[in-house]
């Protein structure tokens, strides 16, 4: 499944597309692989938030 294209308004349909994409991406992963996948994504988001906080200051 290709990465979904999201609308500029970010509607409920975009959320459905993201959930479906994420399901197909992770459905065949082992539990540890899935945990690592989500932890890595979480760390990326955390770094992005920290960078934005530093830019505001």
PDB file of N, CA and C in Angstrom:
ATOM      1  N   UNK A   1       0.853  -1.176   0.000  1.00  0.00           N
ATOM      2  CA  UNK A   1       0.000   0.000   0.000  1.00  0.00           C
ATOM      3  C   UNK A   1       0.895   1.235   0.000  1.00  0.00           C
ATOM      4  N   UNK A   2       0.555   2.191  -0.855  1.00  0.00           N
ATOM      5  CA  UNK A   2       1.326   3.427  -0.952  1.00  0.00           C
ATOM      6  C   UNK A   2       0.979   4.358   0.199  1.00  0.00           C
ATOM      7  N   UNK A   3       1.923   5.237   0.520  1.00  0.00           N
ATOM      8  CA  UNK A   3       1.692   6.213   1.568  1.00  0.00           C
ATOM      9  C   UNK A   3       0.533   7.116   1.151  1.00  0.00           C
ATOM     10  N   UNK A   4      -0.435   7.353   2.045  1.00  0.00           N
ATOM     11  CA  UNK A   4      -1.617   8.138   1.670  1.00  0.00           C
ATOM     12  C   UNK A   4      -1.292   9.612   1.466  1.00  0.00           C
ATOM     13  N   UNK A   5      -2.057  10.230   0.593  1.00  0.00           N
ATOM     14  CA  UNK A   5      -1.955  11.666   0.364  1.00  0.00           C
ATOM     15  C   UNK A   5      -3.046  12.323   1.209  1.00  0.00           C
ATOM     16  N   UNK A   6      -2.628  13.217   2.095  1.00  0.00           N
ATOM     17  CA  UNK A   6      -3.558  13.844   3.019  1.00  0.00           C
ATOM     18  C   UNK A   6      -4.032  15.183   2.478  1.00  0.00           C
ATOM     19  N   UNK A   7      -5.267  15.514   2.818  1.00  0.00           N
ATOM     20  CA  UNK A   7      -5.819  16.792   2.368  1.00  0.00           C
ATOM     21  C   UNK A   7      -5.284  17.921   3.252  1.00  0.00           C
ATOM     22  N   UNK A   8      -5.265  19.140   2.749  1.00  0.00           N
ATOM     23  CA  UNK A   8      -4.761  20.274   3.547  1.00  0.00           C
ATOM     24  C   UNK A   8      -5.599  20.549   4.798  1.00  0.00           C
ATOM     25  N   UNK A   9      -6.868  20.143   4.769  1.00  0.00           N
ATOM     26  CA  UNK A   9      -7.760  20.388   5.904  1.00  0.00           C
ATOM     27  C   UNK A   9      -7.690  19.292   6.966  1.00  0.00           C
ATOM     28  N   UNK A  10      -7.030  18.175   6.661  1.00  0.00           N
ATOM     29  CA  UNK A  10      -6.896  17.019   7.553  1.00  0.00           C
ATOM     30  C   UNK A  10      -8.255  16.617   8.125  1.00  0.00           C
ATOM     31  N   UNK A  11      -9.012  15.903   7.316  1.00  0.00           N
ATOM     32  CA  UNK A  11     -10.360  15.481   7.661  1.00  0.00           C
ATOM     33  C   UNK A  11     -10.352  14.108   8.318  1.00  0.00           C
ATOM     34  N   UNK A  12     -11.517  13.651   8.698  1.00  0.00           N
ATOM     35  CA  UNK A  12     -11.671  12.321   9.290  1.00  0.00           C
ATOM     36  C   UNK A  12     -11.261  11.237   8.285  1.00  0.00           C
ATOM     37  N   UNK A  13     -11.481  11.512   7.003  1.00  0.00           N
ATOM     38  CA  UNK A  13     -11.065  10.565   5.970  1.00  0.00           C
ATOM     39  C   UNK A  13      -9.548  10.389   5.967  1.00  0.00           C
ATOM     40  N   UNK A  14      -8.819  11.458   6.242  1.00  0.00           N
ATOM     41  CA  UNK A  14      -7.360  11.363   6.321  1.00  0.00           C
ATOM     42  C   UNK A  14      -6.940  10.458   7.477  1.00  0.00           C
ATOM     43  N   UNK A  15      -7.644  10.568   8.579  1.00  0.00           N
ATOM     44  CA  UNK A  15      -7.355   9.708   9.731  1.00  0.00           C
ATOM     45  C   UNK A  15      -7.594   8.253   9.359  1.00  0.00           C
ATOM     46  N   UNK A  16      -8.690   7.994   8.655  1.00  0.00           N
ATOM     47  CA  UNK A  16      -8.980   6.623   8.216  1.00  0.00           C
ATOM     48  C   UNK A  16      -7.896   6.108   7.271  1.00  0.00           C
ATOM     49  N   UNK A  17      -7.442   6.949   6.375  1.00  0.00           N
ATOM     50  CA  UNK A  17      -6.378   6.554   5.445  1.00  0.00           C
ATOM     51  C   UNK A  17      -5.101   6.217   6.196  1.00  0.00           C
ATOM     52  N   UNK A  18      -4.751   7.044   7.175  1.00  0.00           N
ATOM     53  CA  UNK A  18      -3.531   6.808   7.953  1.00  0.00           C
ATOM     54  C   UNK A  18      -3.621   5.522   8.763  1.00  0.00           C
ATOM     55  N   UNK A  19      -4.777   5.288   9.359  1.00  0.00           N
ATOM     56  CA  UNK A  19      -4.943   4.063  10.153  1.00  0.00           C
ATOM     57  C   UNK A  19      -4.852   2.826   9.270  1.00  0.00           C
ATOM     58  N   UNK A  20      -5.469   2.876   8.107  1.00  0.00           N
ATOM     59  CA  UNK A  20      -5.415   1.747   7.187  1.00  0.00           C
ATOM     60  C   UNK A  20      -3.977   1.510   6.700  1.00  0.00           C
ATOM     61  N   UNK A  21      -3.288   2.582   6.350  1.00  0.00           N
ATOM     62  CA  UNK A  21      -1.896   2.484   5.904  1.00  0.00           C
ATOM     63  C   UNK A  21      -1.028   1.874   7.003  1.00  0.00           C
ATOM     64  N   UNK A  22      -1.208   2.360   8.220  1.00  0.00           N
ATOM     65  CA  UNK A  22      -0.411   1.870   9.335  1.00  0.00           C
ATOM     66  C   UNK A  22      -0.721   0.398   9.622  1.00  0.00           C
ATOM     67  N   UNK A  23      -1.983   0.019   9.515  1.00  0.00           N
ATOM     68  CA  UNK A  23      -2.350  -1.386   9.730  1.00  0.00           C
ATOM     69  C   UNK A  23      -1.626  -2.284   8.739  1.00  0.00           C
ATOM     70  N   UNK A  24      -1.686  -1.946   7.458  1.00  0.00           N
ATOM     71  CA  UNK A  24      -1.045  -2.790   6.451  1.00  0.00           C
ATOM     72  C   UNK A  24       0.467  -2.801   6.587  1.00  0.00           C
ATOM     73  N   UNK A  25       1.014  -1.714   7.083  1.00  0.00           N
ATOM     74  CA  UNK A  25       2.462  -1.647   7.259  1.00  0.00           C
ATOM     75  C   UNK A  25       2.930  -2.521   8.432  1.00  0.00           C
ATOM     76  N   UNK A  26       2.116  -2.644   9.468  1.00  0.00           N
ATOM     77  CA  UNK A  26       2.539  -3.340  10.684  1.00  0.00           C
ATOM     78  C   UNK A  26       1.900  -4.710  10.900  1.00  0.00           C
ATOM     79  N   UNK A  27       0.963  -5.111  10.058  1.00  0.00           N
ATOM     80  CA  UNK A  27       0.205  -6.336  10.337  1.00  0.00           C
ATOM     81  C   UNK A  27       1.051  -7.604  10.355  1.00  0.00           C
ATOM     82  N   UNK A  28       2.125  -7.658   9.588  1.00  0.00           N
ATOM     83  CA  UNK A  28       2.947  -8.865   9.544  1.00  0.00           C
ATOM     84  C   UNK A  28       4.191  -8.775  10.424  1.00  0.00           C
ATOM     85  N   UNK A  29       4.298  -7.713  11.211  1.00  0.00           N
ATOM     86  CA  UNK A  29       5.452  -7.560  12.085  1.00  0.00           C
ATOM     87  C   UNK A  29       5.287  -8.404  13.345  1.00  0.00           C
ATOM     88  N   UNK A  30       6.405  -8.846  13.866  1.00  0.00           N
ATOM     89  CA  UNK A  30       6.402  -9.511  15.168  1.00  0.00           C
ATOM     90  C   UNK A  30       6.154  -8.460  16.240  1.00  0.00           C
ATOM     91  N   UNK A  31       5.693  -8.870  17.419  1.00  0.00           N
ATOM     92  CA  UNK A  31       5.409  -7.874  18.467  1.00  0.00           C
ATOM     93  C   UNK A  31       6.606  -6.970  18.786  1.00  0.00           C
ATOM     94  N   UNK A  32       7.805  -7.513  18.845  1.00  0.00           N
ATOM     95  CA  UNK A  32       8.974  -6.697  19.148  1.00  0.00           C
ATOM     96  C   UNK A  32       9.273  -5.720  18.006  1.00  0.00           C
ATOM     97  N   UNK A  33       9.105  -6.177  16.775  1.00  0.00           N
ATOM     98  CA  UNK A  33       9.316  -5.298  15.621  1.00  0.00           C
ATOM     99  C   UNK A  33       8.315  -4.142  15.643  1.00  0.00           C
ATOM    100  N   UNK A  34       7.066  -4.461  15.975  1.00  0.00           N
ATOM    101  CA  UNK A  34       6.020  -3.446  16.036  1.00  0.00           C
ATOM    102  C   UNK A  34       6.329  -2.435  17.143  1.00  0.00           C
ATOM    103  N   UNK A  35       6.786  -2.926  18.298  1.00  0.00           N
ATOM    104  CA  UNK A  35       7.132  -2.051  19.405  1.00  0.00           C
ATOM    105  C   UNK A  35       8.288  -1.121  19.014  1.00  0.00           C
ATOM    106  N   UNK A  36       9.303  -1.672  18.368  1.00  0.00           N
ATOM    107  CA  UNK A  36      10.442  -0.858  17.923  1.00  0.00           C
ATOM    108  C   UNK A  36       9.993   0.182  16.896  1.00  0.00           C
ATOM    109  N   UNK A  37       9.123  -0.219  15.990  1.00  0.00           N
ATOM    110  CA  UNK A  37       8.607   0.685  14.955  1.00  0.00           C
ATOM    111  C   UNK A  37       7.923   1.890  15.605  1.00  0.00           C
ATOM    112  N   UNK A  38       7.011   1.624  16.550  1.00  0.00           N
ATOM    113  CA  UNK A  38       6.285   2.715  17.195  1.00  0.00           C
ATOM    114  C   UNK A  38       7.188   3.556  18.083  1.00  0.00           C
ATOM    115  N   UNK A  39       8.133   2.924  18.778  1.00  0.00           N
ATOM    116  CA  UNK A  39       9.059   3.683  19.625  1.00  0.00           C
ATOM    117  C   UNK A  39       9.933   4.608  18.784  1.00  0.00           C
ATOM    118  N   UNK A  40      10.406   4.129  17.645  1.00  0.00           N
ATOM    119  CA  UNK A  40      11.230   4.975  16.769  1.00  0.00           C
ATOM    120  C   UNK A  40      10.433   6.155  16.235  1.00  0.00           C
ATOM    121  N   UNK A  41       9.195   5.903  15.824  1.00  0.00           N
ATOM    122  CA  UNK A  41       8.353   7.007  15.341  1.00  0.00           C
ATOM    123  C   UNK A  41       8.081   8.006  16.458  1.00  0.00           C
ATOM    124  N   UNK A  42       7.851   7.503  17.657  1.00  0.00           N
ATOM    125  CA  UNK A  42       7.605   8.377  18.801  1.00  0.00           C
ATOM    126  C   UNK A  42       8.802   9.251  19.105  1.00  0.00           C
ATOM    127  N   UNK A  43       9.998   8.677  19.003  1.00  0.00           N
ATOM    128  CA  UNK A  43      11.214   9.463  19.256  1.00  0.00           C
ATOM    129  C   UNK A  43      11.405  10.537  18.182  1.00  0.00           C
ATOM    130  N   UNK A  44      11.065  10.228  16.946  1.00  0.00           N
ATOM    131  CA  UNK A  44      11.154  11.225  15.872  1.00  0.00           C
ATOM    132  C   UNK A  44      10.213  12.391  16.144  1.00  0.00           C
ATOM    133  N   UNK A  45       8.994  12.090  16.560  1.00  0.00           N
ATOM    134  CA  UNK A  45       8.019  13.137  16.868  1.00  0.00           C
ATOM    135  C   UNK A  45       8.514  13.959  18.054  1.00  0.00           C
ATOM    136  N   UNK A  46       9.045  13.298  19.069  1.00  0.00           N
ATOM    137  CA  UNK A  46       9.570  13.993  20.244  1.00  0.00           C
ATOM    138  C   UNK A  46      10.691  14.962  19.855  1.00  0.00           C
ATOM    139  N   UNK A  47      11.615  14.497  19.003  1.00  0.00           N
ATOM    140  CA  UNK A  47      12.706  15.360  18.547  1.00  0.00           C
ATOM    141  C   UNK A  47      12.162  16.567  17.774  1.00  0.00           C
ATOM    142  N   UNK A  48      11.174  16.324  16.938  1.00  0.00           N
ATOM    143  CA  UNK A  48      10.569  17.413  16.159  1.00  0.00           C
ATOM    144  C   UNK A  48       9.928  18.443  17.082  1.00  0.00           C
ATOM    145  N   UNK A  49       9.228  17.989  18.094  1.00  0.00           N
ATOM    146  CA  UNK A  49       8.586  18.913  19.048  1.00  0.00           C
ATOM    147  C   UNK A  49       9.656  19.711  19.784  1.00  0.00           C
ATOM    148  N   UNK A  50      10.721  19.060  20.209  1.00  0.00           N
ATOM    149  CA  UNK A  50      11.798  19.755  20.907  1.00  0.00           C
ATOM    150  C   UNK A  50      12.460  20.800  20.012  1.00  0.00           C
ATOM    151  N   UNK A  51      12.685  20.465  18.756  1.00  0.00           N
ATOM    152  CA  UNK A  51      13.280  21.412  17.807  1.00  0.00           C
ATOM    153  C   UNK A  51      12.388  22.642  17.633  1.00  0.00           C
ATOM    154  N   UNK A  52      11.095  22.426  17.535  1.00  0.00           N
ATOM    155  CA  UNK A  52      10.161  23.545  17.363  1.00  0.00           C
ATOM    156  C   UNK A  52      10.125  24.426  18.613  1.00  0.00           C
ATOM    157  N   UNK A  53      10.218  23.799  19.791  1.00  0.00           N
ATOM    158  CA  UNK A  53      10.245  24.577  21.027  1.00  0.00           C
ATOM    159  C   UNK A  53      11.489  25.459  21.059  1.00  0.00           C
ATOM    160  N   UNK A  54      12.608  24.913  20.641  1.00  0.00           N
ATOM    161  CA  UNK A  54      13.858  25.688  20.633  1.00  0.00           C
ATOM    162  C   UNK A  54      13.793  26.832  19.622  1.00  0.00           C
ATOM    163  N   UNK A  55      13.116  26.629  18.510  1.00  0.00           N
ATOM    164  CA  UNK A  55      12.998  27.673  17.497  1.00  0.00           C
ATOM    165  C   UNK A  55      12.134  28.831  17.988  1.00  0.00           C
ATOM    166  N   UNK A  56      11.134  28.519  18.810  1.00  0.00           N
ATOM    167  CA  UNK A  56      10.255  29.567  19.339  1.00  0.00           C
ATOM    168  C   UNK A  56      10.968  30.443  20.349  1.00  0.00           C
ATOM    169  N   UNK A  57      11.870  29.845  21.107  1.00  0.00           N
ATOM    170  CA  UNK A  57      12.546  30.574  22.192  1.00  0.00           C
ATOM    171  C   UNK A  57      13.590  31.532  21.682  1.00  0.00           C
TER     172      UNK A  57
END
